[in-house]
Amino acid sequence: MIQFPGLHLQFFVNPVAFTMFGISIYWYAICIILAILISFILCYCSSPKFDIEDNFLFDTLLYAIVLGIMGARLYYVIFHLDYYWSNPSAILKIRNGGLAIYGGIIVGAFVVFYQCRKKKYSLLDFLDRIAPFVALGQAIGRWGNFCNQEAYGTITKSFFRMGINTPDGYLEVHPTFLYESIFTFCIFFVLRKMQKKRKFKGQIAVSYLVLYAGIRMFIEELRVDSLMLGYFKISQILSIAIFVVFGWILLKNYRKYTKEKISE
């Protein structure tokens, strides 16, 4: 049972949604699949298209999603190498959880870069078209963490605290999965609105990176299951680097756009 005492809510959640032919199908896997399908369909049907043909969008997203999932899993496995070295068969059990979003973003970006260069499409136009839907997919997919009772934060007395049963007993913690889901939904709506009045190529994609990295810095501070490199949280370090570098790029382009508008 999962509780939200401050909101007077209780949920009886079994991580296993159903069993088919003796195979357990987890809610985590269902949430990930729904996130991909909903984001994929909405992106395919979206406007503006930024001179990206639908067939090219379909093919490239398909490659990016498949390889991105593999990248997200590989990223997670690398930072839990001691466990997976002793349990190699567990590497393929993705339905139990264990996908790192930054791994998926990195591999997916490489796939998109390769495809756009190969077919001579604008990389920035492509990224600007898909960026809002990446955020939407994250917002939906995070509910898989809720079903698995994972990706939660430190003990708190916050109004939004979540009560869960852990090996250490009943704990009331920050529902960091919920924080990230809400914030990425907000990012989705902000970027969709931004798409309608794009000021320069790359604006939407870079804004996504800056906004997501900004919220992830603070969420990582609360999480207790972060991927670690020594004493440092990998995602927090990466978030800070992305926020600084792409924040500078975004600011530089806004200044350039403003100067061009004034000189017209």
Protein backbone atom coordinates (compact mmCIF):
# COMPACT_ATOMS: atom_id res chain seq x y z
CA MET A 1 0.00 0.00 0.00
CA ILE A 2 1.18 3.52 -0.85
CA GLN A 3 -0.16 6.45 1.12
CA PHE A 4 -0.20 10.22 0.81
CA PRO A 5 -1.12 11.15 4.40
CA GLY A 6 -1.25 14.88 3.76
CA LEU A 7 -3.72 14.37 0.92
CA HIS A 8 -5.64 11.55 2.68
CA LEU A 9 -5.05 9.16 -0.24
CA GLN A 10 -4.25 5.45 -0.25
CA PHE A 11 -3.35 3.20 -3.17
CA PHE A 12 -3.05 -0.58 -3.23
CA VAL A 13 -0.51 -1.10 -5.99
CA ASN A 14 0.84 -4.44 -7.12
CA PRO A 15 3.92 -3.95 -9.31
CA VAL A 16 2.65 -6.82 -11.48
CA ALA A 17 -0.28 -5.73 -13.66
CA PHE A 18 -1.15 -9.22 -14.93
CA THR A 19 0.37 -12.53 -15.95
CA MET A 20 0.32 -13.83 -19.52
CA PHE A 21 1.53 -17.32 -20.45
CA GLY A 22 3.33 -17.52 -17.13
CA ILE A 23 5.16 -14.21 -17.69
CA SER A 24 4.57 -11.36 -15.25
CA ILE A 25 3.81 -8.03 -16.97
CA TYR A 26 4.78 -5.12 -14.73
CA TRP A 27 3.06 -1.75 -14.49
CA TYR A 28 6.51 -0.22 -14.96
CA ALA A 29 6.75 -1.69 -18.46
CA ILE A 30 3.18 -0.63 -19.28
CA CYS A 31 3.90 2.97 -18.20
CA ILE A 32 7.04 3.08 -20.36
CA ILE A 33 5.18 1.69 -23.38
CA LEU A 34 2.30 4.15 -22.90
CA ALA A 35 4.77 7.03 -22.55
CA ILE A 36 6.44 6.07 -25.83
CA LEU A 37 3.21 5.49 -27.76
CA ILE A 38 1.43 8.65 -26.60
CA SER A 39 4.47 10.87 -27.16
CA PHE A 40 5.23 9.25 -30.52
CA ILE A 41 1.67 9.68 -31.84
CA LEU A 42 1.30 13.27 -30.63
CA CYS A 43 4.70 14.21 -32.03
CA TYR A 44 3.85 12.63 -35.39
CA CYS A 45 0.55 14.54 -35.57
CA SER A 46 1.92 17.81 -34.21
CA SER A 47 2.42 21.19 -35.83
CA PRO A 48 4.54 23.11 -36.66
CA LYS A 49 6.58 20.55 -38.55
CA PHE A 50 9.72 22.71 -39.08
CA ASP A 51 10.29 21.27 -42.59
CA ILE A 52 10.62 17.70 -41.27
CA GLU A 53 8.80 15.12 -43.39
CA ASP A 54 6.56 12.73 -41.48
CA ASN A 55 8.16 9.60 -42.94
CA PHE A 56 11.61 10.73 -41.88
CA LEU A 57 10.28 11.65 -38.43
CA PHE A 58 8.67 8.22 -38.04
CA ASP A 59 11.76 6.25 -39.06
CA THR A 60 14.18 8.33 -37.01
CA LEU A 61 12.05 8.28 -33.87
CA LEU A 62 11.65 4.53 -34.16
CA TYR A 63 15.43 4.04 -34.25
CA ALA A 64 15.98 6.60 -31.50
CA ILE A 65 13.41 5.02 -29.18
CA VAL A 66 14.70 1.45 -29.56
CA LEU A 67 18.37 2.39 -29.23
CA GLY A 68 17.54 5.01 -26.59
CA ILE A 69 15.98 2.36 -24.33
CA MET A 70 19.09 0.26 -24.77
CA GLY A 71 21.22 3.29 -23.93
CA ALA A 72 19.15 4.07 -20.84
CA ARG A 73 19.58 0.50 -19.64
CA LEU A 74 23.30 0.41 -20.41
CA TYR A 75 23.83 3.69 -18.54
CA TYR A 76 22.07 2.24 -15.49
CA VAL A 77 23.93 -1.08 -15.66
CA ILE A 78 27.35 0.60 -15.91
CA PHE A 79 26.80 2.36 -12.59
CA HIS A 80 25.60 -0.87 -10.95
CA LEU A 81 28.30 -3.00 -12.52
CA ASP A 82 29.16 -4.93 -9.34
CA TYR A 83 25.62 -6.31 -9.14
CA TYR A 84 25.16 -7.06 -12.84
CA TRP A 85 28.61 -8.61 -13.16
CA SER A 86 27.45 -11.23 -10.65
CA ASN A 87 23.91 -11.40 -12.10
CA PRO A 88 24.25 -10.98 -15.88
CA SER A 89 20.83 -12.47 -16.59
CA ALA A 90 19.24 -9.54 -14.72
CA ILE A 91 20.50 -7.07 -17.34
CA LEU A 92 17.60 -7.95 -19.64
CA LYS A 93 14.91 -7.68 -16.94
CA ILE A 94 13.99 -4.09 -17.77
CA ARG A 95 10.37 -4.59 -16.71
CA ASN A 96 11.58 -4.62 -13.09
CA GLY A 97 12.93 -1.08 -13.48
CA GLY A 98 16.37 0.36 -14.07
CA LEU A 99 16.37 2.88 -16.93
CA ALA A 100 18.42 6.07 -16.66
CA ILE A 101 16.90 8.92 -18.67
CA TYR A 102 20.21 10.62 -19.40
CA GLY A 103 21.51 7.45 -21.05
CA GLY A 104 18.45 7.41 -23.29
CA ILE A 105 18.80 11.09 -24.16
CA ILE A 106 22.49 10.74 -25.04
CA VAL A 107 22.04 7.69 -27.29
CA GLY A 108 18.83 9.07 -28.82
CA ALA A 109 20.61 12.34 -29.66
CA PHE A 110 23.40 10.47 -31.44
CA VAL A 111 20.84 8.51 -33.48
CA VAL A 112 19.03 11.71 -34.49
CA PHE A 113 22.32 13.40 -35.36
CA TYR A 114 23.35 10.49 -37.59
CA GLN A 115 19.98 10.30 -39.34
CA CYS A 116 19.74 14.04 -39.98
CA ARG A 117 23.26 14.18 -41.35
CA LYS A 118 22.67 11.12 -43.53
CA LYS A 119 19.41 12.46 -45.01
CA LYS A 120 20.54 16.13 -44.99
CA TYR A 121 17.81 17.41 -42.66
CA SER A 122 18.34 20.22 -40.16
CA LEU A 123 19.28 18.68 -36.81
CA LEU A 124 18.03 21.72 -34.90
CA ASP A 125 14.66 21.68 -36.70
CA PHE A 126 14.23 18.00 -35.87
CA LEU A 127 15.15 18.47 -32.20
CA ASP A 128 12.86 21.49 -31.91
CA ARG A 129 9.96 19.40 -33.18
CA ILE A 130 10.44 16.47 -30.81
CA ALA A 131 11.69 18.20 -27.62
CA PRO A 132 8.25 18.86 -26.01
CA PHE A 133 7.26 15.23 -26.51
CA VAL A 134 10.44 13.96 -24.88
CA ALA A 135 9.34 15.88 -21.78
CA LEU A 136 5.82 14.44 -22.07
CA GLY A 137 7.18 10.91 -22.30
CA GLN A 138 9.24 11.48 -19.15
CA ALA A 139 6.19 12.81 -17.31
CA ILE A 140 4.13 9.71 -18.13
CA GLY A 141 6.96 7.22 -17.72
CA ARG A 142 7.78 8.38 -14.18
CA TRP A 143 4.58 6.73 -12.96
CA GLY A 144 6.30 3.41 -13.55
CA ASN A 145 8.53 4.36 -10.62
CA PHE A 146 5.42 4.90 -8.51
CA CYS A 147 4.17 1.38 -9.30
CA ASN A 148 7.59 -0.07 -8.45
CA GLN A 149 7.86 2.05 -5.28
CA GLU A 150 11.23 3.41 -6.38
CA ALA A 151 12.89 6.74 -7.24
CA TYR A 152 11.68 8.25 -3.97
CA GLY A 153 13.45 10.77 -1.78
CA THR A 154 14.51 11.45 1.75
CA ILE A 155 12.27 11.26 4.82
CA THR A 156 10.05 14.32 5.16
CA LYS A 157 7.01 15.78 6.90
CA SER A 158 6.00 17.66 3.76
CA PHE A 159 2.32 17.99 2.90
CA PHE A 160 3.03 15.95 -0.24
CA ARG A 161 4.89 13.18 1.60
CA MET A 162 4.42 9.60 0.46
CA GLY A 163 4.15 6.69 2.88
CA ILE A 164 5.68 3.41 1.70
CA ASN A 165 6.76 0.09 3.18
CA THR A 166 10.48 -0.51 2.77
CA PRO A 167 12.96 -3.10 4.11
CA ASP A 168 13.56 -0.53 6.89
CA GLY A 169 9.87 -0.40 7.74
CA TYR A 170 7.22 2.22 7.02
CA LEU A 171 8.69 5.53 5.85
CA GLU A 172 7.23 8.86 4.78
CA VAL A 173 9.37 10.29 2.00
CA HIS A 174 9.52 12.87 -0.77
CA PRO A 175 7.65 11.47 -3.83
CA THR A 176 10.40 12.62 -6.18
CA PHE A 177 8.87 10.66 -9.07
CA LEU A 178 5.77 12.85 -8.67
CA TYR A 179 7.78 16.07 -8.52
CA GLU A 180 9.55 15.19 -11.75
CA SER A 181 6.34 14.10 -13.44
CA ILE A 182 4.60 17.39 -12.61
CA PHE A 183 7.56 19.52 -13.64
CA THR A 184 8.08 17.69 -16.94
CA PHE A 185 4.38 18.04 -17.74
CA CYS A 186 4.84 21.78 -17.20
CA ILE A 187 7.93 21.75 -19.44
CA PHE A 188 5.86 20.03 -22.14
CA PHE A 189 3.23 22.78 -22.13
CA VAL A 190 5.82 25.57 -22.03
CA LEU A 191 7.72 24.12 -24.99
CA ARG A 192 4.55 23.51 -27.01
CA LYS A 193 3.62 27.14 -26.59
CA MET A 194 7.18 28.16 -27.47
CA GLN A 195 7.03 26.13 -30.69
CA LYS A 196 4.32 28.39 -32.08
CA LYS A 197 6.59 31.45 -31.92
CA ARG A 198 10.08 30.02 -32.34
CA LYS A 199 12.66 32.80 -32.47
CA PHE A 200 15.67 30.81 -33.67
CA LYS A 201 16.62 27.25 -34.59
CA GLY A 202 17.43 25.15 -31.55
CA GLN A 203 15.43 27.33 -29.17
CA ILE A 204 13.00 24.58 -28.18
CA ALA A 205 15.58 21.80 -27.81
CA VAL A 206 18.04 23.93 -25.82
CA SER A 207 15.22 25.28 -23.62
CA TYR A 208 14.22 21.68 -22.85
CA LEU A 209 17.76 20.81 -21.77
CA VAL A 210 18.06 23.89 -19.57
CA LEU A 211 14.63 23.48 -17.95
CA TYR A 212 14.98 19.75 -17.35
CA ALA A 213 18.54 20.01 -16.06
CA GLY A 214 17.43 22.80 -13.73
CA ILE A 215 14.71 20.76 -12.06
CA ARG A 216 16.79 17.56 -12.05
CA MET A 217 19.56 19.29 -10.06
CA PHE A 218 17.17 19.86 -7.17
CA ILE A 219 15.31 16.55 -7.43
CA GLU A 220 18.59 14.63 -7.31
CA GLU A 221 19.39 16.39 -4.03
CA LEU A 222 16.31 14.71 -2.53
CA ARG A 223 16.66 11.23 -4.04
CA VAL A 224 18.18 8.37 -2.07
CA ASP A 225 18.73 5.94 -4.97
CA SER A 226 20.83 8.09 -7.29
CA LEU A 227 23.54 6.59 -9.49
CA MET A 228 26.84 7.43 -7.80
CA LEU A 229 30.42 7.98 -8.85
CA GLY A 230 32.30 7.88 -5.57
CA TYR A 231 30.65 10.48 -3.34
CA PHE A 232 29.00 12.34 -6.22
CA LYS A 233 25.58 11.90 -7.82
CA ILE A 234 26.12 11.35 -11.54
CA SER A 235 22.82 12.87 -12.67
CA GLN A 236 23.34 15.95 -10.52
CA ILE A 237 26.83 16.57 -11.94
CA LEU A 238 25.52 16.08 -15.48
CA SER A 239 22.54 18.34 -14.79
CA ILE A 240 24.73 21.15 -13.52
CA ALA A 241 27.01 20.87 -16.57
CA ILE A 242 24.06 20.86 -19.00
CA PHE A 243 22.36 23.76 -17.22
CA VAL A 244 25.49 25.94 -17.34
CA VAL A 245 26.62 25.11 -20.89
CA PHE A 246 23.24 25.16 -22.61
CA GLY A 247 22.01 28.04 -20.45
CA TRP A 248 24.91 30.08 -21.83
CA ILE A 249 24.09 28.97 -25.40
CA LEU A 250 20.42 29.89 -24.93
CA LEU A 251 21.25 33.31 -23.49
CA LYS A 252 23.74 34.00 -26.29
CA ASN A 253 21.18 33.18 -28.97
CA TYR A 254 18.46 35.28 -27.31
CA ARG A 255 20.85 38.25 -27.26
CA LYS A 256 21.71 37.70 -30.92
CA TYR A 257 18.01 37.48 -31.82
CA THR A 258 17.24 40.67 -29.87
CA LYS A 259 20.04 42.62 -31.56
CA GLU A 260 18.86 41.49 -34.99
CA LYS A 261 15.30 42.58 -34.22
CA ILE A 262 16.46 45.99 -33.00
CA SER A 263 18.61 46.53 -36.09
CA GLU A 264 15.75 45.75 -38.49
